[in-house]
Amino acid sequence: MDVVTLDARAADNGLALMLQGLIAESIAADAGKRRVFEAMSSTFGIVAPDAEVTVTLEFGQGRCTIYDGLRHEPALVITADSGKIPEMSMLKIRYGMPWLLDENGQGFVRSLLKREIRIDGLIRIPPTPFKTAKAALDLVRLTRILSVNS
């Protein structure tokens, strides 16, 4: 049984197919990434406005289901042009965290500052510190899983 599955409606979504392949390949090739994957329990939205595609990644119980569109009230929504999304997999992981002090990391920070990449949901009103902290930790875990440099 596959642990990374596509909802039937996501079968024609290129971003969903790409993410399914990246996640499945990554956790199959690395036992450490598999353990990280199994610890995740958040829902993320990813929006690529230039390509007019949106997906939801729902993690829980050692599985990930990828849906077309935003569903299940994602804890965090990452918005970036389609060319920026694969760049995020180039971040190196050091000490369990994305390494922001090399060229790829600095480019990522510049993209955040220029709002070319947005991560909505890290600041909430009213504050929900537990939910936000869990989602932020799972975002770091997702970065580790998707990183080709870890």
C-alpha atoms as a PDB file:
ATOM      1  CA  MET A   1       0.000   0.000   0.000  1.00  0.00           C
ATOM      2  CA  ASP A   2       1.338   3.412  -0.970  1.00  0.00           C
ATOM      3  CA  VAL A   3       1.830   5.861   1.866  1.00  0.00           C
ATOM      4  CA  VAL A   4       1.761   8.878  -0.481  1.00  0.00           C
ATOM      5  CA  THR A   5      -1.486   8.870  -2.435  1.00  0.00           C
ATOM      6  CA  LEU A   6      -3.304  11.195  -4.783  1.00  0.00           C
ATOM      7  CA  ASP A   7      -6.971  11.949  -4.360  1.00  0.00           C
ATOM      8  CA  ALA A   8      -8.819  10.999  -7.561  1.00  0.00           C
ATOM      9  CA  ARG A   9      -9.368  14.668  -8.462  1.00  0.00           C
ATOM     10  CA  ALA A  10      -5.626  15.405  -8.176  1.00  0.00           C
ATOM     11  CA  ALA A  11      -4.609  12.937 -10.895  1.00  0.00           C
ATOM     12  CA  ASP A  12      -4.533  15.706 -13.532  1.00  0.00           C
ATOM     13  CA  ASN A  13      -2.703  18.236 -11.334  1.00  0.00           C
ATOM     14  CA  GLY A  14       0.966  18.454 -12.373  1.00  0.00           C
ATOM     15  CA  LEU A  15       2.049  19.965  -9.046  1.00  0.00           C
ATOM     16  CA  ALA A  16       0.327  17.144  -7.145  1.00  0.00           C
ATOM     17  CA  LEU A  17       2.038  14.531  -9.327  1.00  0.00           C
ATOM     18  CA  MET A  18       5.439  16.172  -8.865  1.00  0.00           C
ATOM     19  CA  LEU A  19       5.056  16.359  -5.070  1.00  0.00           C
ATOM     20  CA  GLN A  20       3.817  12.770  -4.857  1.00  0.00           C
ATOM     21  CA  GLY A  21       6.893  11.584  -6.742  1.00  0.00           C
ATOM     22  CA  LEU A  22       9.321  13.681  -4.703  1.00  0.00           C
ATOM     23  CA  ILE A  23       7.906  12.639  -1.332  1.00  0.00           C
ATOM     24  CA  ALA A  24       7.520   8.946  -2.198  1.00  0.00           C
ATOM     25  CA  GLU A  25      11.021   8.689  -3.667  1.00  0.00           C
ATOM     26  CA  SER A  26      12.587  10.565  -0.761  1.00  0.00           C
ATOM     27  CA  ILE A  27      11.068   8.443   2.006  1.00  0.00           C
ATOM     28  CA  ALA A  28      11.743   5.210   0.112  1.00  0.00           C
ATOM     29  CA  ALA A  29      15.438   6.060  -0.252  1.00  0.00           C
ATOM     30  CA  ASP A  30      16.191   7.271   3.290  1.00  0.00           C
ATOM     31  CA  ALA A  31      15.092   5.659   6.579  1.00  0.00           C
ATOM     32  CA  GLY A  32      15.694   8.928   8.462  1.00  0.00           C
ATOM     33  CA  LYS A  33      13.376  10.816   6.137  1.00  0.00           C
ATOM     34  CA  ARG A  34      10.828   8.023   6.513  1.00  0.00           C
ATOM     35  CA  ARG A  35      10.851   8.490  10.322  1.00  0.00           C
ATOM     36  CA  VAL A  36      10.442  12.254   9.880  1.00  0.00           C
ATOM     37  CA  PHE A  37       7.541  11.643   7.480  1.00  0.00           C
ATOM     38  CA  GLU A  38       5.808   9.319   9.948  1.00  0.00           C
ATOM     39  CA  ALA A  39       5.995  11.995  12.681  1.00  0.00           C
ATOM     40  CA  MET A  40       4.099  14.576  10.606  1.00  0.00           C
ATOM     41  CA  SER A  41       0.445  15.407  11.288  1.00  0.00           C
ATOM     42  CA  SER A  42      -0.251  18.782   9.666  1.00  0.00           C
ATOM     43  CA  THR A  43      -2.078  19.894   6.544  1.00  0.00           C
ATOM     44  CA  PHE A  44      -0.350  22.245   4.092  1.00  0.00           C
ATOM     45  CA  GLY A  45      -1.648  24.147   1.098  1.00  0.00           C
ATOM     46  CA  ILE A  46       0.649  24.964  -1.801  1.00  0.00           C
ATOM     47  CA  VAL A  47      -0.419  27.572  -4.340  1.00  0.00           C
ATOM     48  CA  ALA A  48       1.341  28.344  -7.631  1.00  0.00           C
ATOM     49  CA  PRO A  49      -0.598  31.371  -8.933  1.00  0.00           C
ATOM     50  CA  ASP A  50       1.319  31.636 -12.222  1.00  0.00           C
ATOM     51  CA  ALA A  51       0.359  28.069 -13.176  1.00  0.00           C
ATOM     52  CA  GLU A  52      -3.087  28.382 -11.580  1.00  0.00           C
ATOM     53  CA  VAL A  53      -2.620  25.194  -9.536  1.00  0.00           C
ATOM     54  CA  THR A  54      -3.263  24.541  -5.888  1.00  0.00           C
ATOM     55  CA  VAL A  55      -2.765  21.401  -3.829  1.00  0.00           C
ATOM     56  CA  THR A  56      -3.316  20.312  -0.260  1.00  0.00           C
ATOM     57  CA  LEU A  57      -0.958  17.876   1.457  1.00  0.00           C
ATOM     58  CA  GLU A  58      -2.577  16.152   4.407  1.00  0.00           C
ATOM     59  CA  PHE A  59      -0.172  14.252   6.678  1.00  0.00           C
ATOM     60  CA  GLY A  60      -1.140  11.903   9.467  1.00  0.00           C
ATOM     61  CA  GLN A  61      -0.694   8.353  10.762  1.00  0.00           C
ATOM     62  CA  GLY A  62       2.356   7.763   8.573  1.00  0.00           C
ATOM     63  CA  ARG A  63       0.522   8.681   5.368  1.00  0.00           C
ATOM     64  CA  CYS A  64       0.152  11.654   3.034  1.00  0.00           C
ATOM     65  CA  THR A  65      -2.832  12.332   0.806  1.00  0.00           C
ATOM     66  CA  ILE A  66      -2.504  14.996  -1.867  1.00  0.00           C
ATOM     67  CA  TYR A  67      -5.661  16.795  -2.965  1.00  0.00           C
ATOM     68  CA  ASP A  68      -6.411  19.163  -5.825  1.00  0.00           C
ATOM     69  CA  GLY A  69      -7.255  22.620  -4.450  1.00  0.00           C
ATOM     70  CA  LEU A  70      -7.256  23.877  -0.869  1.00  0.00           C
ATOM     71  CA  ARG A  71      -9.099  21.481   1.425  1.00  0.00           C
ATOM     72  CA  HIS A  72      -9.322  20.570   5.087  1.00  0.00           C
ATOM     73  CA  GLU A  73      -8.299  24.045   6.360  1.00  0.00           C
ATOM     74  CA  PRO A  74      -4.512  23.874   5.917  1.00  0.00           C
ATOM     75  CA  ALA A  75      -2.413  24.937   8.911  1.00  0.00           C
ATOM     76  CA  LEU A  76      -0.003  26.738   6.565  1.00  0.00           C
ATOM     77  CA  VAL A  77      -0.356  27.874   2.963  1.00  0.00           C
ATOM     78  CA  ILE A  78       2.799  28.310   0.886  1.00  0.00           C
ATOM     79  CA  THR A  79       2.360  30.569  -2.129  1.00  0.00           C
ATOM     80  CA  ALA A  80       5.073  30.791  -4.775  1.00  0.00           C
ATOM     81  CA  ASP A  81       5.389  30.810  -8.534  1.00  0.00           C
ATOM     82  CA  SER A  82       5.860  27.347  -9.998  1.00  0.00           C
ATOM     83  CA  GLY A  83       9.579  27.976 -10.592  1.00  0.00           C
ATOM     84  CA  LYS A  84      10.184  28.774  -6.908  1.00  0.00           C
ATOM     85  CA  ILE A  85       8.567  25.611  -5.524  1.00  0.00           C
ATOM     86  CA  PRO A  86      11.254  23.183  -6.769  1.00  0.00           C
ATOM     87  CA  GLU A  87      13.950  25.618  -5.544  1.00  0.00           C
ATOM     88  CA  MET A  88      12.796  24.922  -2.010  1.00  0.00           C
ATOM     89  CA  SER A  89      14.001  21.333  -2.407  1.00  0.00           C
ATOM     90  CA  MET A  90      17.526  22.686  -2.952  1.00  0.00           C
ATOM     91  CA  LEU A  91      17.818  23.913   0.651  1.00  0.00           C
ATOM     92  CA  LYS A  92      20.476  22.043   2.578  1.00  0.00           C
ATOM     93  CA  ILE A  93      19.586  20.625   5.965  1.00  0.00           C
ATOM     94  CA  ARG A  94      22.056  21.091   8.811  1.00  0.00           C
ATOM     95  CA  TYR A  95      21.431  20.167  12.430  1.00  0.00           C
ATOM     96  CA  GLY A  96      17.896  19.166  11.449  1.00  0.00           C
ATOM     97  CA  MET A  97      17.013  22.641  10.128  1.00  0.00           C
ATOM     98  CA  PRO A  98      17.088  24.325   6.712  1.00  0.00           C
ATOM     99  CA  TRP A  99      20.545  25.874   6.267  1.00  0.00           C
ATOM    100  CA  LEU A 100      20.081  29.531   5.362  1.00  0.00           C
ATOM    101  CA  LEU A 101      23.750  30.552   5.301  1.00  0.00           C
ATOM    102  CA  ASP A 102      24.714  29.179   1.895  1.00  0.00           C
ATOM    103  CA  GLU A 103      23.735  30.444  -1.561  1.00  0.00           C
ATOM    104  CA  ASN A 104      20.479  28.442  -1.769  1.00  0.00           C
ATOM    105  CA  GLY A 105      19.454  29.423   1.751  1.00  0.00           C
ATOM    106  CA  GLN A 106      20.173  33.099   1.176  1.00  0.00           C
ATOM    107  CA  GLY A 107      18.186  32.982  -2.065  1.00  0.00           C
ATOM    108  CA  PHE A 108      15.270  31.471  -0.151  1.00  0.00           C
ATOM    109  CA  VAL A 109      15.431  34.226   2.478  1.00  0.00           C
ATOM    110  CA  ARG A 110      15.572  36.890  -0.269  1.00  0.00           C
ATOM    111  CA  SER A 111      12.485  35.330  -1.872  1.00  0.00           C
ATOM    112  CA  LEU A 112      10.682  35.445   1.482  1.00  0.00           C
ATOM    113  CA  LEU A 113      11.652  39.083   2.040  1.00  0.00           C
ATOM    114  CA  LYS A 114      10.559  40.036  -1.486  1.00  0.00           C
ATOM    115  CA  ARG A 115       7.330  38.052  -0.878  1.00  0.00           C
ATOM    116  CA  GLU A 116       8.040  35.883  -3.922  1.00  0.00           C
ATOM    117  CA  ILE A 117       7.447  33.034  -1.468  1.00  0.00           C
ATOM    118  CA  ARG A 118       4.800  33.519   1.203  1.00  0.00           C
ATOM    119  CA  ILE A 119       4.017  31.244   4.125  1.00  0.00           C
ATOM    120  CA  ASP A 120       0.619  32.171   5.522  1.00  0.00           C
ATOM    121  CA  GLY A 121      -0.513  30.856   8.889  1.00  0.00           C
ATOM    122  CA  LEU A 122       2.639  31.268  10.950  1.00  0.00           C
ATOM    123  CA  ILE A 123       1.037  34.280  12.641  1.00  0.00           C
ATOM    124  CA  ARG A 124      -2.570  33.841  13.703  1.00  0.00           C
ATOM    125  CA  ILE A 125      -5.203  36.054  15.245  1.00  0.00           C
ATOM    126  CA  PRO A 126      -6.366  34.949  17.724  1.00  0.00           C
ATOM    127  CA  PRO A 127      -3.048  33.295  18.593  1.00  0.00           C
ATOM    128  CA  THR A 128      -2.937  29.500  18.567  1.00  0.00           C
ATOM    129  CA  PRO A 129       0.613  28.810  19.754  1.00  0.00           C
ATOM    130  CA  PHE A 130       0.347  25.013  19.897  1.00  0.00           C
ATOM    131  CA  LYS A 131      -1.176  24.656  16.430  1.00  0.00           C
ATOM    132  CA  THR A 132       1.273  27.172  14.944  1.00  0.00           C
ATOM    133  CA  ALA A 133       4.306  25.538  16.571  1.00  0.00           C
ATOM    134  CA  LYS A 134       3.235  22.066  15.401  1.00  0.00           C
ATOM    135  CA  ALA A 135       2.683  23.323  11.853  1.00  0.00           C
ATOM    136  CA  ALA A 136       6.037  25.157  11.852  1.00  0.00           C
ATOM    137  CA  LEU A 137       7.820  22.007  13.044  1.00  0.00           C
ATOM    138  CA  ASP A 138       6.070  19.950  10.384  1.00  0.00           C
ATOM    139  CA  LEU A 139       7.087  22.547   7.766  1.00  0.00           C
ATOM    140  CA  VAL A 140      10.725  22.018   8.781  1.00  0.00           C
ATOM    141  CA  ARG A 141      10.107  18.256   8.509  1.00  0.00           C
ATOM    142  CA  LEU A 142       8.573  18.680   5.037  1.00  0.00           C
ATOM    143  CA  THR A 143      11.593  20.747   3.966  1.00  0.00           C
ATOM    144  CA  ARG A 144      13.872  17.957   5.183  1.00  0.00           C
ATOM    145  CA  ILE A 145      11.904  15.313   3.277  1.00  0.00           C
ATOM    146  CA  LEU A 146      11.899  17.315   0.050  1.00  0.00           C
ATOM    147  CA  SER A 147      15.525  18.402   0.293  1.00  0.00           C
ATOM    148  CA  VAL A 148      17.793  16.748  -2.237  1.00  0.00           C
ATOM    149  CA  ASN A 149      20.787  18.123  -0.310  1.00  0.00           C
ATOM    150  CA  SER A 150      20.283  16.482   3.091  1.00  0.00           C
END
